[in-house]
Amino acid sequence: MSLKAKALAQAGAHSSSHPRLSVLLLLPALIFLLVAAVEGAPENKGSGTLSSGGAKDPGVRGGAPGAGTPIAGLSSNQLAFFNAGLTNFEEIDSVTGSINNTGNGLGPRFNAESCAQCHAQPAVGGTSPSTNPQIADATDQGADNQVPSFITLNGPVREARFPYTFTGQVDGGVHDLFTITDRVDAPGCNIQQPNFTEAAQLGDLIFRIPTPLFGGGLIEEISDATILANMSSNQQQKHSLGIGGQPNTSANDGTITRFGWKAQNKSLEVFSGEAYNIEIGVTNELFNTERDQTPGCQFNATPEDATNFDLDGTALPSDVIRFKMFMTMLDQPTPGQSSPSTQRGAQDFTQIGCALCHTPSMTTGQSTISGLSNVQANLYSDLLLHHMGPNLADNVLQGAAAGDQFRTAPLWGLGQRIFFLHDGRTADLVQTIQAHASNGNRQYPSSEANGVVNNYNKLTTSQQQDLLNFLRSL
């Protein structure tokens, strides 16, 4: 029985008690088409793909990185924490810490060897760099990994998820690309990589790229009340364009979660601990269980990353806490120079409705770190979930987010990003804008961005160019 048939059978079996699940288990063929398109098409670097009107993406903004620095007003102790976190963020992990570095706990399954490998563009804390480090990681220290076809030298850093199991059950979790098999620091470990080829053939493979971390502490300090007030604003205009939006929320305390592609993580600390375990394979005090417990592949006591206790009773923070403090005090990106074109583009951005979801700014509340208090965060996001239609749907459920819902991606720093959308399928802004439009089908409603994209398409060529220039100035 095919995966799709099994999913349909599961849908029928559970339709009476799980109506939402029965709909979500109707695995669409679009995932397979997406994978085929991603694997078969050359990487697009945003070097001038033309829209029908002739406007083109100016490409990645040059010059010095407009990001990667600490927020202003830090005390000397706070700055020391920021720098210590940066050091750990850049650290290359090994299995046992025996290969000329202090980090240990890599694997048994992993996607990268350090945080900074993936969060690198245009500075540490960003997103996918122009040269993918996963190619080298695959065989580092003698590892016996095959590089999947969707990982290329000049393509985006990616993690892979299977929306369903091979028996048709709901999955949605990360399936790490690589294993520590045959690494010199993992003698005796023998596990296999997931079968990504089969998953692609079954239409059961989707990707995520790293989200930029700049301004994370500011996002964390925006109150729920501020987010909800912004959600309630401009309702008539939003309704006329088909825009809704809802927050993702914690199942425990009901507060708004806001980090990750589907706003599935509550805090930077949870975000750090989860990524350390999933992406690098390091167990920690938040996620203290090895994801793969195959005998012969366990080399360290757990959690591998933990609070360090000195003899005098002093507790030194774990890597996860250091990561968290680095991200908390990482400043928002600085935009590029303004010009008459970018100023006109900013007006068009608001005029056609982009700003209804990509809210230009929100103000933080009171923080114990004074540099985060009452700061205008120019994030260009409402931090809400929106239905993006079948073309962008990934069939992954996270918290309150359905398979077609994503958090409005913050646009600050956009001018120096290389890859776009949750899966990095394009590096061209024109294609990115058009990908936001999607008509509904039997499984998912139409994209909430359809009205805005339609307005963009009605702009003159010069207006479209101004808007693209504005986006690359952010």
Protein backbone atom coordinates (compact mmCIF):
# COMPACT_ATOMS: atom_id res chain seq x y z
CA MET A 1 0.00 0.00 0.00
CA SER A 2 1.34 3.46 -0.90
CA LEU A 3 1.97 6.11 1.75
CA LYS A 4 -0.87 8.20 0.36
CA ALA A 5 -3.26 5.23 0.48
CA LYS A 6 -2.23 4.49 4.06
CA ALA A 7 -2.78 8.12 4.98
CA LEU A 8 -6.24 8.01 3.41
CA ALA A 9 -7.01 4.80 5.27
CA GLN A 10 -5.87 6.41 8.54
CA ALA A 11 -8.06 9.41 7.76
CA GLY A 12 -11.09 7.21 7.34
CA ALA A 13 -10.31 5.22 10.47
CA HIS A 14 -10.00 8.33 12.63
CA SER A 15 -12.49 10.68 11.00
CA SER A 16 -15.15 10.33 13.66
CA SER A 17 -12.93 11.04 16.65
CA HIS A 18 -10.21 13.17 15.03
CA PRO A 19 -11.79 15.27 12.24
CA ARG A 20 -8.80 17.62 11.98
CA LEU A 21 -6.39 14.71 11.73
CA SER A 22 -8.46 13.08 9.02
CA VAL A 23 -8.14 16.18 6.86
CA LEU A 24 -4.43 16.60 7.50
CA LEU A 25 -3.71 13.02 6.59
CA LEU A 26 -4.79 13.66 3.00
CA LEU A 27 -1.18 13.90 1.85
CA PRO A 28 -1.08 16.14 -1.21
CA ALA A 29 1.12 15.50 -4.20
CA LEU A 30 2.42 19.06 -4.01
CA ILE A 31 5.21 18.07 -1.59
CA PHE A 32 6.61 15.68 -4.17
CA LEU A 33 6.41 18.40 -6.81
CA LEU A 34 8.19 20.82 -4.47
CA VAL A 35 10.99 18.34 -3.79
CA ALA A 36 11.38 17.66 -7.50
CA ALA A 37 11.53 21.36 -8.22
CA VAL A 38 14.07 22.02 -5.46
CA GLU A 39 16.30 19.10 -6.42
CA GLY A 40 16.06 19.63 -10.16
CA ALA A 41 16.45 23.38 -10.42
CA PRO A 42 19.72 25.30 -10.07
CA GLU A 43 20.16 27.48 -6.99
CA ASN A 44 18.94 31.02 -7.64
CA LYS A 45 21.12 33.70 -6.11
CA GLY A 46 18.73 36.62 -6.63
CA SER A 47 20.96 38.08 -9.32
CA GLY A 48 18.18 39.57 -11.36
CA THR A 49 15.27 37.21 -12.04
CA LEU A 50 12.70 39.26 -13.93
CA SER A 51 9.05 39.49 -12.99
CA SER A 52 6.46 39.81 -15.73
CA GLY A 53 6.70 43.57 -15.38
CA GLY A 54 10.47 43.67 -15.58
CA ALA A 55 11.28 44.56 -11.97
CA LYS A 56 14.12 42.53 -10.50
CA ASP A 57 15.67 41.72 -7.15
CA PRO A 58 18.74 43.95 -6.68
CA GLY A 59 20.45 41.04 -4.93
CA VAL A 60 22.15 40.74 -1.57
CA ARG A 61 23.14 44.17 -0.28
CA GLY A 62 26.88 44.65 -0.14
CA GLY A 63 29.01 46.39 2.43
CA ALA A 64 29.67 45.59 6.05
CA PRO A 65 27.17 43.40 7.91
CA GLY A 66 24.35 45.46 9.37
CA ALA A 67 23.97 42.98 12.20
CA GLY A 68 25.82 40.83 14.69
CA THR A 69 26.61 43.41 17.35
CA PRO A 70 25.37 43.59 20.96
CA ILE A 71 22.58 45.95 21.98
CA ALA A 72 23.62 49.35 23.29
CA GLY A 73 23.82 50.13 26.99
CA LEU A 74 25.10 46.79 28.29
CA SER A 75 27.05 46.71 31.53
CA SER A 76 30.56 45.24 31.48
CA ASN A 77 29.25 42.03 33.03
CA GLN A 78 26.42 41.76 30.51
CA LEU A 79 28.86 42.33 27.65
CA ALA A 80 31.07 39.59 29.08
CA PHE A 81 28.09 37.20 29.00
CA PHE A 82 27.38 38.22 25.39
CA ASN A 83 30.98 37.50 24.35
CA ALA A 84 31.09 34.21 26.25
CA GLY A 85 27.88 33.17 24.54
CA LEU A 86 29.31 34.12 21.16
CA THR A 87 32.37 31.93 21.82
CA ASN A 88 30.21 28.93 22.68
CA PHE A 89 27.90 29.65 19.74
CA GLU A 90 30.90 29.32 17.39
CA GLU A 91 32.31 26.23 19.08
CA ILE A 92 32.71 23.08 16.95
CA ASP A 93 31.34 20.07 18.80
CA SER A 94 32.73 16.55 18.66
CA VAL A 95 31.41 13.30 20.08
CA THR A 96 33.63 13.17 23.17
CA GLY A 97 35.47 16.50 23.11
CA SER A 98 38.72 14.78 22.20
CA ILE A 99 39.34 16.47 18.85
CA ASN A 100 41.04 19.74 19.70
CA ASN A 101 37.97 21.50 21.06
CA THR A 102 36.07 21.85 24.29
CA GLY A 103 32.57 21.06 23.02
CA ASN A 104 31.34 17.51 23.24
CA GLY A 105 28.21 15.48 22.75
CA LEU A 106 27.80 15.58 18.97
CA GLY A 107 25.25 13.10 17.66
CA PRO A 108 24.50 10.24 17.41
CA ARG A 109 22.48 12.04 14.71
CA PHE A 110 23.05 15.65 13.72
CA ASN A 111 22.64 18.33 11.05
CA ALA A 112 25.67 20.49 11.88
CA GLU A 113 28.64 20.67 14.23
CA SER A 114 28.01 24.13 15.66
CA CYS A 115 25.34 26.81 15.95
CA ALA A 116 27.34 29.41 14.02
CA GLN A 117 27.77 27.15 11.01
CA CYS A 118 24.08 27.54 10.19
CA HIS A 119 23.42 30.99 11.67
CA ALA A 120 26.17 32.79 9.76
CA GLN A 121 24.86 35.24 7.14
CA PRO A 122 25.70 38.13 7.16
CA ALA A 123 27.24 37.69 10.64
CA VAL A 124 27.12 35.19 13.47
CA GLY A 125 23.49 34.91 14.53
CA GLY A 126 22.11 35.17 11.00
CA THR A 127 20.95 32.50 8.58
CA SER A 128 22.33 30.25 5.82
CA PRO A 129 25.71 31.35 4.43
CA SER A 130 26.65 31.26 0.74
CA THR A 131 28.77 28.12 1.21
CA ASN A 132 26.95 25.27 2.93
CA PRO A 133 29.03 23.82 5.83
CA GLN A 134 26.94 20.64 5.85
CA ILE A 135 28.94 19.31 2.90
CA ALA A 136 32.14 19.20 4.97
CA ASP A 137 30.34 18.04 8.13
CA ALA A 138 29.14 14.92 6.34
CA THR A 139 32.62 13.35 6.27
CA ASP A 140 34.42 15.24 9.03
CA GLN A 141 36.60 13.04 11.27
CA GLY A 142 36.10 10.07 8.96
CA ALA A 143 32.29 9.99 9.15
CA ASP A 144 30.62 7.77 6.58
CA ASN A 145 27.71 9.93 5.42
CA GLN A 146 26.24 10.43 1.99
CA VAL A 147 25.25 14.01 1.25
CA PRO A 148 21.52 14.06 0.38
CA SER A 149 20.64 15.46 -3.04
CA PHE A 150 18.85 18.46 -1.53
CA ILE A 151 22.06 19.62 0.20
CA THR A 152 24.38 21.45 -2.19
CA LEU A 153 27.58 23.43 -1.74
CA ASN A 154 26.00 26.75 -2.71
CA GLY A 155 22.51 25.97 -1.50
CA PRO A 156 20.91 26.72 1.86
CA VAL A 157 21.57 24.90 5.11
CA ARG A 158 18.57 22.63 5.56
CA GLU A 159 16.99 20.31 8.05
CA ALA A 160 14.61 17.62 6.80
CA ARG A 161 11.23 16.65 8.20
CA PHE A 162 8.87 13.84 7.28
CA PRO A 163 5.25 15.06 7.62
CA TYR A 164 4.19 11.41 7.91
CA THR A 165 5.75 8.12 8.89
CA PHE A 166 6.24 5.53 6.17
CA THR A 167 3.11 3.80 7.50
CA GLY A 168 0.99 6.91 7.05
CA GLN A 169 0.88 8.16 10.65
CA VAL A 170 1.43 11.81 11.48
CA ASP A 171 5.14 12.55 12.06
CA GLY A 172 6.36 16.10 11.41
CA GLY A 173 9.64 15.72 13.31
CA VAL A 174 13.20 16.47 12.26
CA HIS A 175 15.13 13.56 10.75
CA ASP A 176 18.79 14.47 11.04
CA LEU A 177 20.89 14.31 7.89
CA PHE A 178 24.02 12.70 9.32
CA THR A 179 25.26 10.14 11.84
CA ILE A 180 28.53 9.71 13.75
CA THR A 181 29.15 6.28 12.20
CA ASP A 182 32.88 5.75 11.46
CA ARG A 183 33.99 9.02 13.04
CA VAL A 184 37.31 8.57 14.83
CA ASP A 185 35.76 9.84 18.07
CA ALA A 186 32.83 7.37 17.86
CA PRO A 187 34.42 3.91 17.64
CA GLY A 188 31.90 1.10 17.33
CA CYS A 189 28.87 3.23 16.48
CA ASN A 190 27.01 1.86 13.47
CA ILE A 191 23.72 3.51 12.52
CA GLN A 192 22.29 4.47 9.14
CA GLN A 193 21.09 7.74 7.71
CA PRO A 194 17.37 8.12 7.04
CA ASN A 195 16.17 7.06 3.60
CA PHE A 196 15.63 10.51 2.12
CA THR A 197 15.34 9.12 -1.42
CA GLU A 198 12.37 6.99 -0.45
CA ALA A 199 10.80 9.86 1.48
CA ALA A 200 11.08 12.08 -1.61
CA GLN A 201 9.55 9.40 -3.82
CA LEU A 202 6.62 9.15 -1.40
CA GLY A 203 6.14 12.93 -1.37
CA ASP A 204 6.99 12.92 2.33
CA LEU A 205 9.94 15.29 2.60
CA ILE A 206 9.99 18.98 3.51
CA PHE A 207 12.75 21.35 4.54
CA ARG A 208 13.44 24.18 6.95
CA ILE A 209 16.30 26.67 6.84
CA PRO A 210 17.73 28.53 9.86
CA THR A 211 15.80 31.56 11.07
CA PRO A 212 17.90 34.70 11.74
CA LEU A 213 18.36 35.34 15.46
CA PHE A 214 19.11 39.08 15.39
CA GLY A 215 16.94 41.06 17.79
CA GLY A 216 15.73 37.92 19.56
CA GLY A 217 15.81 39.56 22.97
CA LEU A 218 13.66 42.41 21.69
CA ILE A 219 11.09 39.98 20.29
CA GLU A 220 11.05 38.18 23.62
CA GLU A 221 10.28 41.45 25.42
CA ILE A 222 7.28 42.44 23.26
CA SER A 223 4.28 41.86 25.49
CA ASP A 224 1.37 39.62 24.56
CA ALA A 225 -0.90 42.65 24.97
CA THR A 226 1.09 44.56 22.34
CA ILE A 227 0.88 41.65 19.90
CA LEU A 228 -2.86 41.25 20.45
CA ALA A 229 -3.53 44.98 20.13
CA ASN A 230 -1.68 45.01 16.82
CA MET A 231 -3.69 41.96 15.70
CA SER A 232 -6.92 43.86 16.39
CA SER A 233 -5.84 46.95 14.45
CA ASN A 234 -6.83 47.80 10.85
CA GLN A 235 -9.48 45.08 10.85
CA GLN A 236 -11.53 46.54 8.01
CA GLN A 237 -8.54 46.75 5.68
CA LYS A 238 -7.33 43.29 6.69
CA HIS A 239 -10.75 41.80 6.09
CA SER A 240 -11.01 43.39 2.65
CA LEU A 241 -7.74 41.68 1.66
CA GLY A 242 -8.58 38.31 3.23
CA ILE A 243 -6.04 38.68 6.03
CA GLY A 244 -6.68 36.99 9.36
CA GLY A 245 -3.92 35.86 11.70
CA GLN A 246 -3.74 34.23 15.09
CA PRO A 247 -1.04 33.75 17.72
CA ASN A 248 0.54 30.41 18.44
CA THR A 249 0.28 29.75 22.17
CA SER A 250 1.78 27.64 24.90
CA ALA A 251 -0.38 24.64 25.76
CA ASN A 252 0.59 25.10 29.41
CA ASP A 253 0.17 28.75 30.32
CA GLY A 254 -1.65 30.06 27.25
CA THR A 255 0.84 32.84 26.54
CA ILE A 256 2.00 33.70 23.03
CA THR A 257 4.89 31.73 21.59
CA ARG A 258 6.95 33.52 18.97
CA PHE A 259 10.20 31.82 17.87
CA GLY A 260 10.67 29.44 14.95
CA TRP A 261 9.04 29.22 11.53
CA LYS A 262 5.69 28.46 13.12
CA ALA A 263 6.25 30.49 16.30
CA GLN A 264 6.35 27.16 18.11
CA ASN A 265 8.90 28.08 20.79
CA LYS A 266 8.07 30.21 23.81
CA SER A 267 11.52 31.54 24.67
CA LEU A 268 15.09 31.84 23.45
CA GLU A 269 16.13 29.37 26.14
CA VAL A 270 13.72 26.70 24.90
CA PHE A 271 14.72 27.51 21.33
CA SER A 272 18.40 27.02 22.27
CA GLY A 273 17.94 23.78 24.17
CA GLU A 274 15.79 22.22 21.50
CA ALA A 275 18.13 23.20 18.66
CA TYR A 276 21.20 21.97 20.57
CA ASN A 277 19.62 18.54 20.95
CA ILE A 278 17.99 18.27 17.53
CA GLU A 279 20.48 19.99 15.22
CA ILE A 280 23.77 19.05 16.90
CA GLY A 281 22.68 16.10 19.00
CA VAL A 282 23.88 17.50 22.34
CA THR A 283 21.69 16.58 25.31
CA ASN A 284 21.16 19.38 27.81
CA GLU A 285 19.20 20.32 30.90
CA LEU A 286 16.10 21.18 28.86
CA PHE A 287 16.29 18.23 26.43
CA ASN A 288 18.25 15.63 28.35
CA THR A 289 17.46 12.44 26.42
CA GLU A 290 19.43 11.18 23.43
CA ARG A 291 17.19 11.10 20.37
CA ASP A 292 18.90 7.90 19.19
CA GLN A 293 19.76 5.42 21.94
CA THR A 294 21.33 2.71 19.79
CA PRO A 295 23.79 0.62 21.87
CA GLY A 296 27.37 1.43 20.96
CA CYS A 297 26.56 5.04 20.05
CA GLN A 298 26.32 6.47 23.58
CA PHE A 299 29.67 7.92 24.67
CA ASN A 300 28.85 10.46 27.38
CA ALA A 301 26.83 10.78 30.54
CA THR A 302 23.72 12.90 30.10
CA PRO A 303 22.96 15.69 29.97
CA GLU A 304 26.12 16.36 28.02
CA ASP A 305 25.68 20.10 28.41
CA ALA A 306 24.95 21.06 32.02
CA THR A 307 25.53 23.66 34.70
CA ASN A 308 29.14 23.57 35.87
CA PHE A 309 29.55 23.53 39.65
CA ASP A 310 32.77 24.84 41.20
CA LEU A 311 34.12 23.57 44.52
CA ASP A 312 33.29 26.88 46.19
CA GLY A 313 29.62 26.51 45.28
CA THR A 314 29.73 28.82 42.27
CA ALA A 315 27.57 27.66 39.35
CA LEU A 316 28.83 28.44 35.84
CA PRO A 317 26.14 28.55 33.15
CA SER A 318 25.68 25.77 30.62
CA ASP A 319 26.12 26.25 26.88
CA VAL A 320 22.36 26.58 26.46
CA ILE A 321 22.25 29.50 28.89
CA ARG A 322 25.24 31.07 27.17
CA PHE A 323 23.51 30.70 23.78
CA LYS A 324 20.40 32.24 25.27
CA MET A 325 22.26 35.25 26.67
CA PHE A 326 24.10 35.79 23.37
CA MET A 327 20.81 35.81 21.45
CA THR A 328 19.07 37.94 24.09
CA MET A 329 21.64 40.71 23.77
CA LEU A 330 22.08 40.45 19.98
CA ASP A 331 20.90 43.74 18.50
CA GLN A 332 18.37 44.23 15.74
CA PRO A 333 19.81 44.70 12.24
CA THR A 334 20.69 48.18 11.01
CA PRO A 335 19.08 49.02 7.64
CA GLY A 336 21.05 50.27 4.68
CA GLN A 337 21.05 53.79 3.33
CA SER A 338 17.76 55.35 2.36
CA SER A 339 17.19 56.73 -1.13
CA PRO A 340 14.29 58.31 -3.03
CA SER A 341 13.56 54.86 -4.50
CA THR A 342 13.52 53.06 -1.13
CA GLN A 343 11.36 55.83 0.34
CA ARG A 344 8.81 55.38 -2.44
CA GLY A 345 9.06 51.63 -1.97
CA ALA A 346 8.29 51.97 1.74
CA GLN A 347 5.14 53.90 0.87
CA ASP A 348 4.08 51.24 -1.64
CA PHE A 349 4.83 48.54 0.95
CA THR A 350 2.20 50.09 3.20
CA GLN A 351 -0.15 51.11 0.41
CA ILE A 352 -0.64 47.61 -1.03
CA GLY A 353 -1.05 45.97 2.39
CA CYS A 354 2.32 44.32 3.11
CA ALA A 355 2.55 46.17 6.43
CA LEU A 356 -0.71 44.64 7.66
CA CYS A 357 1.19 41.42 8.43
CA HIS A 358 4.78 42.67 8.26
CA THR A 359 4.17 45.24 11.01
CA PRO A 360 7.07 47.74 10.74
CA SER A 361 7.66 48.03 14.48
CA MET A 362 6.46 47.18 17.98
CA THR A 363 7.79 48.50 21.26
CA THR A 364 9.20 46.33 24.01
CA GLY A 365 8.11 46.44 27.64
CA GLN A 366 10.20 46.63 30.78
CA SER A 367 13.18 44.26 30.94
CA THR A 368 15.70 43.39 33.61
CA ILE A 369 18.26 44.23 30.90
CA SER A 370 17.84 47.98 30.54
CA GLY A 371 18.99 47.94 26.92
CA LEU A 372 15.88 45.94 26.03
CA SER A 373 13.37 48.19 27.82
CA ASN A 374 11.01 50.42 25.84
CA VAL A 375 12.88 49.87 22.58
CA GLN A 376 11.29 50.25 19.16
CA ALA A 377 11.86 46.88 17.53
CA ASN A 378 11.77 47.37 13.75
CA LEU A 379 10.99 43.73 13.07
CA TYR A 380 8.46 43.98 10.21
CA SER A 381 6.35 41.16 11.63
CA ASP A 382 3.14 40.77 13.61
CA LEU A 383 4.52 37.50 15.09
CA LEU A 384 1.21 35.84 14.18
CA LEU A 385 0.37 32.69 12.26
CA HIS A 386 -1.23 33.06 8.83
CA HIS A 387 -2.67 30.56 6.37
CA MET A 388 -0.32 30.59 3.38
CA GLY A 389 -2.18 28.21 1.07
CA PRO A 390 -1.28 24.87 -0.51
CA ASN A 391 1.84 26.08 -2.35
CA LEU A 392 3.71 26.86 0.87
CA ALA A 393 2.01 24.29 3.12
CA ASP A 394 4.37 21.74 4.67
CA ASN A 395 1.77 19.55 6.47
CA VAL A 396 3.62 19.94 9.78
CA LEU A 397 1.64 20.71 12.95
CA GLN A 398 3.38 22.70 15.68
CA GLY A 399 1.39 23.98 18.62
CA ALA A 400 -1.67 25.75 17.26
CA ALA A 401 -0.08 26.03 13.79
CA ALA A 402 -1.72 23.93 11.09
CA GLY A 403 0.09 22.47 8.11
CA ASP A 404 -0.36 25.62 6.03
CA GLN A 405 0.30 28.21 8.73
CA PHE A 406 3.53 30.10 9.32
CA ARG A 407 4.64 32.97 11.51
CA THR A 408 5.03 36.22 9.60
CA ALA A 409 8.78 36.19 8.99
CA PRO A 410 10.50 39.31 10.39
CA LEU A 411 12.00 41.28 7.52
CA TRP A 412 14.67 43.20 9.42
CA GLY A 413 18.03 42.32 7.89
CA LEU A 414 16.36 41.09 4.68
CA GLY A 415 18.74 43.05 2.49
CA GLN A 416 21.67 40.79 3.44
CA ARG A 417 19.91 37.42 3.38
CA ILE A 418 20.60 34.97 0.59
CA PHE A 419 17.79 32.38 0.82
CA PHE A 420 14.08 32.89 1.40
CA LEU A 421 10.91 31.11 2.52
CA HIS A 422 10.86 28.40 5.16
CA ASP A 423 12.55 25.84 2.92
CA GLY A 424 15.02 28.08 1.08
CA ARG A 425 13.50 27.22 -2.28
CA THR A 426 14.50 30.57 -3.78
CA ALA A 427 17.00 33.36 -3.33
CA ASP A 428 15.03 35.83 -5.42
CA LEU A 429 12.65 38.35 -3.88
CA VAL A 430 10.35 38.44 -6.90
CA GLN A 431 9.85 34.69 -6.70
CA THR A 432 9.42 34.96 -2.93
CA ILE A 433 6.61 37.49 -3.26
CA GLN A 434 4.82 35.44 -5.92
CA ALA A 435 5.16 32.26 -3.83
CA HIS A 436 3.01 33.91 -1.15
CA ALA A 437 -0.03 33.63 -3.45
CA SER A 438 -1.89 30.33 -3.55
CA ASN A 439 -5.50 29.32 -4.20
CA GLY A 440 -7.11 26.93 -1.77
CA ASN A 441 -7.87 23.27 -2.33
CA ARG A 442 -9.77 20.52 -0.52
CA GLN A 443 -7.16 20.46 2.23
CA TYR A 444 -6.17 24.07 2.82
CA PRO A 445 -7.77 27.52 2.34
CA SER A 446 -6.36 30.15 0.02
CA SER A 447 -3.35 32.14 1.13
CA GLU A 448 -4.07 35.20 3.24
CA ALA A 449 -1.48 36.99 1.11
CA ASN A 450 -3.41 36.63 -2.18
CA GLY A 451 -4.92 40.11 -2.03
CA VAL A 452 -1.61 41.78 -1.26
CA VAL A 453 0.24 39.88 -4.00
CA ASN A 454 -2.52 40.87 -6.42
CA ASN A 455 -1.96 44.50 -5.42
CA TYR A 456 1.79 44.08 -6.00
CA ASN A 457 1.15 42.69 -9.47
CA LYS A 458 -0.93 45.78 -10.30
CA LEU A 459 1.95 48.13 -9.51
CA THR A 460 3.89 49.65 -12.38
CA THR A 461 7.31 48.24 -13.12
CA SER A 462 8.98 51.24 -11.49
CA GLN A 463 6.81 50.90 -8.38
CA GLN A 464 7.65 47.21 -8.09
CA GLN A 465 11.33 48.06 -8.42
CA ASP A 466 11.06 50.69 -5.70
CA LEU A 467 9.44 48.14 -3.39
CA LEU A 468 12.15 45.57 -4.10
CA ASN A 469 14.82 48.20 -3.50
CA PHE A 470 13.14 49.06 -0.20
CA LEU A 471 13.14 45.41 0.91
CA ARG A 472 16.84 45.09 0.12
CA SER A 473 17.50 48.23 2.17
CA LEU A 474 16.16 46.58 5.34
